[in-house]
Amino acid sequence: MSAFSPFNLSSAFVTFFAVVGPPKVMLSFAQLARDRDRRELIRLAGVSSLVAAVVGVALAYSAGAWPRPSTSVTSRWSWPAG
């Protein structure tokens, strides 16, 4: 039995965006750099990074990556009392 899982459509989708995404972001930022000064670009990069971090944390939290404050990790995985 192989240790690797087969390459499926979702893996191809994620790989495509991981390869294509960063150059597109850099090209967009380069286009914005033509019309703005250095201070505006630094602010734009900071705000967009902050928004991306907040969205990432919100998605991870909603997907259940972290336990919610009302539950603990041990109660999530313990057997029900019977």
N, C-alpha and C. Protein backbone atom coordinates (compact mmCIF):
# COMPACT_ATOMS: atom_id res chain seq x y z
N MET A 1 0.84 -1.18 0.00
CA MET A 1 0.00 0.00 0.00
C MET A 1 0.88 1.25 0.00
N SER A 2 0.53 2.21 -0.80
CA SER A 2 1.33 3.42 -0.96
C SER A 2 1.09 4.38 0.21
N ALA A 3 2.13 5.10 0.58
CA ALA A 3 2.02 6.09 1.65
C ALA A 3 1.41 7.40 1.15
N PHE A 4 1.32 7.55 -0.16
CA PHE A 4 0.79 8.79 -0.73
C PHE A 4 -0.63 8.58 -1.21
N SER A 5 -1.45 9.60 -1.04
CA SER A 5 -2.81 9.51 -1.56
C SER A 5 -2.81 9.90 -3.04
N PRO A 6 -3.77 9.45 -3.80
CA PRO A 6 -3.80 9.79 -5.23
C PRO A 6 -4.07 11.29 -5.43
N PHE A 7 -3.56 11.79 -6.52
CA PHE A 7 -3.76 13.19 -6.86
C PHE A 7 -5.18 13.36 -7.41
N ASN A 8 -6.02 14.08 -6.70
CA ASN A 8 -7.41 14.23 -7.13
C ASN A 8 -7.69 15.66 -7.57
N LEU A 9 -8.92 15.95 -7.89
CA LEU A 9 -9.30 17.26 -8.42
C LEU A 9 -9.07 18.37 -7.40
N SER A 10 -9.39 18.14 -6.14
CA SER A 10 -9.19 19.19 -5.14
C SER A 10 -7.71 19.49 -4.96
N SER A 11 -6.86 18.48 -5.02
CA SER A 11 -5.42 18.71 -4.94
C SER A 11 -4.93 19.52 -6.13
N ALA A 12 -5.44 19.22 -7.30
CA ALA A 12 -5.07 19.98 -8.50
C ALA A 12 -5.51 21.44 -8.39
N PHE A 13 -6.69 21.66 -7.84
CA PHE A 13 -7.22 23.01 -7.67
C PHE A 13 -6.34 23.82 -6.72
N VAL A 14 -5.99 23.23 -5.58
CA VAL A 14 -5.15 23.91 -4.59
C VAL A 14 -3.76 24.17 -5.17
N THR A 15 -3.22 23.18 -5.86
CA THR A 15 -1.90 23.35 -6.45
C THR A 15 -1.89 24.44 -7.51
N PHE A 16 -2.94 24.50 -8.32
CA PHE A 16 -3.05 25.53 -9.35
C PHE A 16 -3.03 26.92 -8.72
N PHE A 17 -3.84 27.14 -7.69
CA PHE A 17 -3.88 28.46 -7.07
C PHE A 17 -2.62 28.78 -6.28
N ALA A 18 -1.96 27.76 -5.74
CA ALA A 18 -0.70 28.00 -5.04
C ALA A 18 0.39 28.45 -6.01
N VAL A 19 0.34 27.95 -7.24
CA VAL A 19 1.35 28.30 -8.23
C VAL A 19 1.01 29.60 -8.95
N VAL A 20 -0.27 29.79 -9.29
CA VAL A 20 -0.67 30.93 -10.10
C VAL A 20 -0.97 32.17 -9.25
N GLY A 21 -1.40 31.97 -8.02
CA GLY A 21 -1.84 33.08 -7.18
C GLY A 21 -0.79 34.14 -6.88
N PRO A 22 0.37 33.76 -6.32
CA PRO A 22 1.36 34.78 -5.94
C PRO A 22 1.83 35.68 -7.09
N PRO A 23 2.13 35.15 -8.29
CA PRO A 23 2.53 36.07 -9.36
C PRO A 23 1.43 37.05 -9.75
N LYS A 24 0.17 36.61 -9.68
CA LYS A 24 -0.92 37.53 -10.01
C LYS A 24 -1.02 38.65 -8.98
N VAL A 25 -0.80 38.32 -7.72
CA VAL A 25 -0.83 39.34 -6.67
C VAL A 25 0.31 40.34 -6.88
N MET A 26 1.49 39.82 -7.22
CA MET A 26 2.62 40.72 -7.44
C MET A 26 2.40 41.63 -8.65
N LEU A 27 1.81 41.10 -9.71
CA LEU A 27 1.51 41.93 -10.88
C LEU A 27 0.48 43.00 -10.55
N SER A 28 -0.52 42.65 -9.77
CA SER A 28 -1.52 43.64 -9.38
C SER A 28 -0.90 44.72 -8.51
N PHE A 29 -0.03 44.33 -7.60
CA PHE A 29 0.64 45.31 -6.75
C PHE A 29 1.54 46.21 -7.58
N ALA A 30 2.18 45.67 -8.59
CA ALA A 30 3.04 46.47 -9.46
C ALA A 30 2.22 47.50 -10.24
N GLN A 31 1.02 47.10 -10.67
CA GLN A 31 0.15 48.06 -11.36
C GLN A 31 -0.28 49.17 -10.41
N LEU A 32 -0.57 48.84 -9.16
CA LEU A 32 -0.96 49.86 -8.19
C LEU A 32 0.20 50.78 -7.87
N ALA A 33 1.43 50.28 -7.95
CA ALA A 33 2.61 51.07 -7.61
C ALA A 33 2.84 52.22 -8.58
N ARG A 34 2.29 52.11 -9.77
CA ARG A 34 2.48 53.19 -10.76
C ARG A 34 1.83 54.49 -10.33
N ASP A 35 0.66 54.40 -9.70
CA ASP A 35 -0.13 55.59 -9.42
C ASP A 35 -0.05 56.07 -7.98
N ARG A 36 0.62 55.33 -7.10
CA ARG A 36 0.63 55.68 -5.68
C ARG A 36 2.05 55.93 -5.20
N ASP A 37 2.15 56.70 -4.12
CA ASP A 37 3.47 56.94 -3.55
C ASP A 37 3.81 55.83 -2.55
N ARG A 38 5.01 55.89 -2.03
CA ARG A 38 5.53 54.82 -1.16
C ARG A 38 4.68 54.65 0.11
N ARG A 39 4.27 55.74 0.71
CA ARG A 39 3.48 55.67 1.95
C ARG A 39 2.15 54.96 1.72
N GLU A 40 1.48 55.26 0.62
CA GLU A 40 0.20 54.61 0.30
C GLU A 40 0.39 53.11 0.04
N LEU A 41 1.49 52.75 -0.61
CA LEU A 41 1.76 51.34 -0.89
C LEU A 41 2.03 50.55 0.39
N ILE A 42 2.77 51.15 1.31
CA ILE A 42 3.03 50.49 2.59
C ILE A 42 1.72 50.30 3.35
N ARG A 43 0.88 51.31 3.36
CA ARG A 43 -0.42 51.20 4.03
C ARG A 43 -1.30 50.15 3.35
N LEU A 44 -1.31 50.14 2.03
CA LEU A 44 -2.09 49.16 1.29
C LEU A 44 -1.62 47.73 1.57
N ALA A 45 -0.31 47.51 1.59
CA ALA A 45 0.22 46.17 1.88
C ALA A 45 -0.10 45.76 3.31
N GLY A 46 -0.01 46.68 4.25
CA GLY A 46 -0.32 46.37 5.64
C GLY A 46 -1.78 46.03 5.86
N VAL A 47 -2.66 46.84 5.28
CA VAL A 47 -4.10 46.59 5.44
C VAL A 47 -4.51 45.29 4.75
N SER A 48 -4.00 45.05 3.57
CA SER A 48 -4.37 43.81 2.87
C SER A 48 -3.83 42.59 3.60
N SER A 49 -2.64 42.67 4.19
CA SER A 49 -2.10 41.56 4.97
C SER A 49 -2.93 41.32 6.22
N LEU A 50 -3.35 42.38 6.87
CA LEU A 50 -4.18 42.26 8.07
C LEU A 50 -5.53 41.63 7.74
N VAL A 51 -6.14 42.08 6.65
CA VAL A 51 -7.43 41.50 6.24
C VAL A 51 -7.26 40.02 5.90
N ALA A 52 -6.19 39.66 5.21
CA ALA A 52 -5.96 38.26 4.86
C ALA A 52 -5.76 37.41 6.12
N ALA A 53 -5.05 37.95 7.11
CA ALA A 53 -4.84 37.21 8.35
C ALA A 53 -6.15 37.02 9.11
N VAL A 54 -6.98 38.06 9.17
CA VAL A 54 -8.27 37.96 9.86
C VAL A 54 -9.17 36.95 9.17
N VAL A 55 -9.21 36.98 7.85
CA VAL A 55 -10.03 36.02 7.10
C VAL A 55 -9.52 34.60 7.32
N GLY A 56 -8.22 34.41 7.32
CA GLY A 56 -7.64 33.08 7.56
C GLY A 56 -7.97 32.55 8.94
N VAL A 57 -7.87 33.39 9.96
CA VAL A 57 -8.20 32.96 11.32
C VAL A 57 -9.69 32.66 11.43
N ALA A 58 -10.53 33.50 10.83
CA ALA A 58 -11.97 33.26 10.89
C ALA A 58 -12.35 31.96 10.20
N LEU A 59 -11.75 31.68 9.05
CA LEU A 59 -12.05 30.42 8.36
C LEU A 59 -11.55 29.21 9.14
N ALA A 60 -10.36 29.32 9.71
CA ALA A 60 -9.83 28.21 10.51
C ALA A 60 -10.70 27.97 11.74
N TYR A 61 -11.14 29.04 12.37
CA TYR A 61 -11.99 28.92 13.56
C TYR A 61 -13.34 28.30 13.21
N SER A 62 -13.93 28.75 12.10
CA SER A 62 -15.23 28.22 11.71
C SER A 62 -15.14 26.78 11.21
N ALA A 63 -13.97 26.37 10.72
CA ALA A 63 -13.79 25.00 10.27
C ALA A 63 -13.49 24.05 11.42
N GLY A 64 -13.33 24.58 12.61
CA GLY A 64 -13.09 23.74 13.78
C GLY A 64 -11.63 23.44 14.02
N ALA A 65 -10.74 24.26 13.50
CA ALA A 65 -9.32 24.03 13.72
C ALA A 65 -8.95 24.26 15.19
N TRP A 66 -9.65 25.17 15.85
CA TRP A 66 -9.42 25.43 17.26
C TRP A 66 -10.69 25.10 18.02
N PRO A 67 -10.57 24.61 19.24
CA PRO A 67 -11.79 24.37 20.03
C PRO A 67 -12.45 25.69 20.41
N ARG A 68 -13.73 25.70 20.45
CA ARG A 68 -14.46 26.90 20.85
C ARG A 68 -14.26 27.13 22.35
N PRO A 69 -14.38 28.36 22.82
CA PRO A 69 -14.15 28.64 24.24
C PRO A 69 -15.08 27.86 25.18
N SER A 70 -16.27 27.50 24.74
CA SER A 70 -17.21 26.82 25.62
C SER A 70 -16.88 25.34 25.77
N THR A 71 -16.03 24.78 24.91
CA THR A 71 -15.67 23.36 25.01
C THR A 71 -14.18 23.23 25.17
N SER A 72 -13.76 22.15 25.72
CA SER A 72 -12.33 21.88 25.82
C SER A 72 -12.00 20.71 24.89
N VAL A 73 -10.74 20.54 24.64
CA VAL A 73 -10.31 19.48 23.73
C VAL A 73 -10.64 18.11 24.32
N THR A 74 -10.51 17.96 25.62
CA THR A 74 -10.76 16.65 26.23
C THR A 74 -12.24 16.30 26.18
N SER A 75 -13.13 17.29 26.36
CA SER A 75 -14.56 16.96 26.32
C SER A 75 -15.03 16.69 24.90
N ARG A 76 -14.32 17.22 23.92
CA ARG A 76 -14.68 16.99 22.54
C ARG A 76 -14.43 15.54 22.13
N TRP A 77 -13.39 14.96 22.69
CA TRP A 77 -12.98 13.63 22.25
C TRP A 77 -13.27 12.52 23.27
N SER A 78 -13.90 12.88 24.39
CA SER A 78 -14.18 11.86 25.39
C SER A 78 -15.45 11.10 25.03
N TRP A 79 -15.56 9.87 25.54
CA TRP A 79 -16.73 9.03 25.29
C TRP A 79 -17.92 9.55 26.07
N PRO A 80 -19.13 9.46 25.51
CA PRO A 80 -20.30 9.88 26.27
C PRO A 80 -20.55 8.95 27.45
N ALA A 81 -21.03 9.54 28.54
CA ALA A 81 -21.32 8.75 29.72
C ALA A 81 -22.54 7.86 29.42
N GLY A 82 -22.45 6.62 29.78
CA GLY A 82 -23.53 5.73 29.41
C GLY A 82 -23.89 4.87 30.49
